[in-house]
Amino acid sequence: MNYLSELPKPSALAILTDRERDVLAQLAERKQYKEIADELFMSIDTVRTHVRNIYSKLNVHRRSEAEVIFRGG
């Protein structure tokens, strides 16, 4: 029996910063960058930077792919 295979796998979201997780949660609610910026009190450019970092860390290329990971699928 391989005990390592029974260990829980770390969440892919664990590699994101708290702020990146905040932005990803807003993306998953289908909000536009301007809405996210207003709600999280940041500029649209900062939202874009966070989204770029999220995509890179999660190794995805689209919002829909990031949403699947966020929702645990």
N, C-alpha and C. Protein backbone atom coordinates (compact mmCIF):
# COMPACT_ATOMS: atom_id res chain seq x y z
N MET A 1 0.84 -1.18 0.00
CA MET A 1 0.00 0.00 0.00
C MET A 1 0.89 1.24 0.00
N ASN A 2 0.56 2.20 -0.85
CA ASN A 2 1.33 3.43 -0.95
C ASN A 2 0.67 4.51 -0.10
N TYR A 3 1.26 4.79 1.06
CA TYR A 3 0.67 5.76 1.98
C TYR A 3 0.74 7.19 1.45
N LEU A 4 1.73 7.47 0.62
CA LEU A 4 1.83 8.82 0.07
C LEU A 4 0.64 9.16 -0.80
N SER A 5 0.11 8.17 -1.51
CA SER A 5 -1.03 8.44 -2.37
C SER A 5 -2.29 8.74 -1.57
N GLU A 6 -2.29 8.40 -0.29
CA GLU A 6 -3.47 8.64 0.54
C GLU A 6 -3.43 10.01 1.22
N LEU A 7 -2.29 10.68 1.15
CA LEU A 7 -2.20 12.00 1.76
C LEU A 7 -3.05 12.98 0.97
N PRO A 8 -3.71 13.91 1.65
CA PRO A 8 -4.51 14.89 0.91
C PRO A 8 -3.61 15.76 0.05
N LYS A 9 -4.07 16.05 -1.15
CA LYS A 9 -3.31 16.90 -2.05
C LYS A 9 -3.58 18.36 -1.68
N PRO A 10 -2.54 19.20 -1.71
CA PRO A 10 -2.77 20.60 -1.38
C PRO A 10 -3.65 21.26 -2.44
N SER A 11 -4.46 22.17 -2.03
CA SER A 11 -5.33 22.88 -2.94
C SER A 11 -4.50 23.70 -3.91
N ALA A 12 -4.92 23.71 -5.15
CA ALA A 12 -4.23 24.54 -6.15
C ALA A 12 -4.31 26.00 -5.76
N LEU A 13 -5.34 26.36 -5.03
CA LEU A 13 -5.52 27.75 -4.62
C LEU A 13 -4.52 28.17 -3.55
N ALA A 14 -3.90 27.21 -2.90
CA ALA A 14 -2.96 27.52 -1.81
C ALA A 14 -1.75 28.30 -2.32
N ILE A 15 -1.46 28.20 -3.60
CA ILE A 15 -0.30 28.92 -4.14
C ILE A 15 -0.62 30.38 -4.44
N LEU A 16 -1.89 30.74 -4.38
CA LEU A 16 -2.28 32.12 -4.65
C LEU A 16 -2.19 32.96 -3.38
N THR A 17 -1.92 34.25 -3.56
CA THR A 17 -1.95 35.16 -2.42
C THR A 17 -3.41 35.39 -2.02
N ASP A 18 -3.61 35.95 -0.84
CA ASP A 18 -4.98 36.25 -0.40
C ASP A 18 -5.68 37.16 -1.40
N ARG A 19 -4.96 38.17 -1.88
CA ARG A 19 -5.57 39.13 -2.81
C ARG A 19 -5.89 38.46 -4.15
N GLU A 20 -5.03 37.57 -4.60
CA GLU A 20 -5.32 36.83 -5.84
C GLU A 20 -6.55 35.97 -5.67
N ARG A 21 -6.71 35.36 -4.49
CA ARG A 21 -7.93 34.56 -4.24
C ARG A 21 -9.16 35.46 -4.22
N ASP A 22 -9.03 36.68 -3.68
CA ASP A 22 -10.15 37.63 -3.70
C ASP A 22 -10.56 37.94 -5.14
N VAL A 23 -9.57 38.21 -5.98
CA VAL A 23 -9.84 38.53 -7.38
C VAL A 23 -10.45 37.32 -8.08
N LEU A 24 -9.92 36.14 -7.84
CA LEU A 24 -10.44 34.93 -8.47
C LEU A 24 -11.89 34.67 -8.05
N ALA A 25 -12.21 34.92 -6.81
CA ALA A 25 -13.59 34.75 -6.35
C ALA A 25 -14.53 35.69 -7.11
N GLN A 26 -14.08 36.91 -7.36
CA GLN A 26 -14.88 37.87 -8.12
C GLN A 26 -15.00 37.43 -9.58
N LEU A 27 -13.92 36.92 -10.14
CA LEU A 27 -13.97 36.41 -11.52
C LEU A 27 -14.98 35.27 -11.62
N ALA A 28 -14.99 34.41 -10.62
CA ALA A 28 -15.90 33.26 -10.62
C ALA A 28 -17.36 33.70 -10.53
N GLU A 29 -17.59 34.92 -10.04
CA GLU A 29 -18.95 35.48 -10.01
C GLU A 29 -19.28 36.20 -11.30
N ARG A 30 -18.39 36.06 -12.29
CA ARG A 30 -18.58 36.62 -13.64
C ARG A 30 -18.56 38.14 -13.65
N LYS A 31 -17.85 38.75 -12.73
CA LYS A 31 -17.76 40.21 -12.69
C LYS A 31 -16.70 40.70 -13.68
N GLN A 32 -16.95 41.88 -14.20
CA GLN A 32 -16.00 42.53 -15.11
C GLN A 32 -14.86 43.14 -14.29
N TYR A 33 -13.75 43.40 -14.97
CA TYR A 33 -12.57 43.95 -14.27
C TYR A 33 -12.91 45.24 -13.53
N LYS A 34 -13.70 46.13 -14.14
CA LYS A 34 -14.06 47.40 -13.49
C LYS A 34 -14.83 47.14 -12.20
N GLU A 35 -15.77 46.20 -12.24
CA GLU A 35 -16.53 45.86 -11.03
C GLU A 35 -15.62 45.32 -9.94
N ILE A 36 -14.69 44.46 -10.33
CA ILE A 36 -13.74 43.89 -9.37
C ILE A 36 -12.89 45.00 -8.76
N ALA A 37 -12.39 45.88 -9.63
CA ALA A 37 -11.55 46.99 -9.16
C ALA A 37 -12.31 47.85 -8.15
N ASP A 38 -13.55 48.19 -8.47
CA ASP A 38 -14.35 49.02 -7.56
C ASP A 38 -14.61 48.32 -6.24
N GLU A 39 -14.97 47.06 -6.31
CA GLU A 39 -15.32 46.32 -5.10
C GLU A 39 -14.12 46.07 -4.19
N LEU A 40 -12.96 45.84 -4.80
CA LEU A 40 -11.76 45.52 -4.02
C LEU A 40 -10.84 46.73 -3.82
N PHE A 41 -11.31 47.91 -4.25
CA PHE A 41 -10.57 49.16 -4.05
C PHE A 41 -9.16 49.10 -4.65
N MET A 42 -9.11 48.75 -5.94
CA MET A 42 -7.84 48.71 -6.65
C MET A 42 -8.08 49.21 -8.07
N SER A 43 -7.01 49.49 -8.77
CA SER A 43 -7.14 49.95 -10.16
C SER A 43 -7.40 48.75 -11.08
N ILE A 44 -7.91 49.07 -12.25
CA ILE A 44 -8.14 48.02 -13.24
C ILE A 44 -6.81 47.37 -13.64
N ASP A 45 -5.76 48.18 -13.72
CA ASP A 45 -4.44 47.61 -14.04
C ASP A 45 -3.98 46.62 -12.98
N THR A 46 -4.28 46.89 -11.72
CA THR A 46 -3.92 45.96 -10.65
C THR A 46 -4.73 44.67 -10.78
N VAL A 47 -6.00 44.79 -11.14
CA VAL A 47 -6.82 43.60 -11.38
C VAL A 47 -6.19 42.77 -12.50
N ARG A 48 -5.82 43.43 -13.58
CA ARG A 48 -5.20 42.72 -14.71
C ARG A 48 -3.92 42.00 -14.28
N THR A 49 -3.13 42.66 -13.46
CA THR A 49 -1.89 42.04 -12.97
C THR A 49 -2.20 40.81 -12.14
N HIS A 50 -3.18 40.92 -11.25
CA HIS A 50 -3.56 39.76 -10.43
C HIS A 50 -4.08 38.62 -11.31
N VAL A 51 -4.88 38.95 -12.30
CA VAL A 51 -5.42 37.92 -13.20
C VAL A 51 -4.29 37.23 -13.95
N ARG A 52 -3.34 38.00 -14.45
CA ARG A 52 -2.18 37.41 -15.13
C ARG A 52 -1.42 36.47 -14.20
N ASN A 53 -1.22 36.90 -12.96
CA ASN A 53 -0.51 36.05 -11.99
C ASN A 53 -1.31 34.79 -11.66
N ILE A 54 -2.62 34.94 -11.52
CA ILE A 54 -3.49 33.79 -11.24
C ILE A 54 -3.38 32.76 -12.37
N TYR A 55 -3.53 33.23 -13.60
CA TYR A 55 -3.46 32.33 -14.75
C TYR A 55 -2.12 31.61 -14.80
N SER A 56 -1.06 32.35 -14.54
CA SER A 56 0.28 31.76 -14.58
C SER A 56 0.45 30.71 -13.49
N LYS A 57 0.05 31.04 -12.27
CA LYS A 57 0.22 30.11 -11.15
C LYS A 57 -0.65 28.86 -11.30
N LEU A 58 -1.85 29.04 -11.86
CA LEU A 58 -2.76 27.90 -12.03
C LEU A 58 -2.54 27.19 -13.36
N ASN A 59 -1.65 27.74 -14.18
CA ASN A 59 -1.34 27.16 -15.49
C ASN A 59 -2.60 27.04 -16.36
N VAL A 60 -3.34 28.14 -16.44
CA VAL A 60 -4.54 28.20 -17.27
C VAL A 60 -4.41 29.38 -18.23
N HIS A 61 -5.31 29.41 -19.22
CA HIS A 61 -5.27 30.48 -20.22
C HIS A 61 -6.59 31.23 -20.33
N ARG A 62 -7.62 30.73 -19.67
CA ARG A 62 -8.94 31.36 -19.76
C ARG A 62 -9.59 31.47 -18.39
N ARG A 63 -10.49 32.43 -18.29
CA ARG A 63 -11.25 32.64 -17.06
C ARG A 63 -12.01 31.36 -16.70
N SER A 64 -12.61 30.72 -17.68
CA SER A 64 -13.41 29.52 -17.40
C SER A 64 -12.56 28.41 -16.78
N GLU A 65 -11.31 28.28 -17.20
CA GLU A 65 -10.42 27.27 -16.62
C GLU A 65 -10.10 27.61 -15.17
N ALA A 66 -9.87 28.89 -14.90
CA ALA A 66 -9.59 29.32 -13.52
C ALA A 66 -10.81 29.10 -12.64
N GLU A 67 -12.00 29.35 -13.18
CA GLU A 67 -13.24 29.14 -12.42
C GLU A 67 -13.41 27.69 -12.01
N VAL A 68 -13.09 26.77 -12.92
CA VAL A 68 -13.21 25.34 -12.61
C VAL A 68 -12.32 24.99 -11.43
N ILE A 69 -11.10 25.49 -11.43
CA ILE A 69 -10.18 25.22 -10.32
C ILE A 69 -10.71 25.85 -9.05
N PHE A 70 -11.21 27.09 -9.15
CA PHE A 70 -11.74 27.78 -7.97
C PHE A 70 -12.90 27.00 -7.36
N ARG A 71 -13.75 26.44 -8.20
CA ARG A 71 -14.93 25.71 -7.72
C ARG A 71 -14.61 24.28 -7.31
N GLY A 72 -13.33 23.91 -7.45
CA GLY A 72 -12.91 22.59 -6.99
C GLY A 72 -13.10 21.48 -7.99
N GLY A 73 -13.37 21.84 -9.24
CA GLY A 73 -13.60 20.83 -10.26
C GLY A 73 -12.37 20.53 -10.97
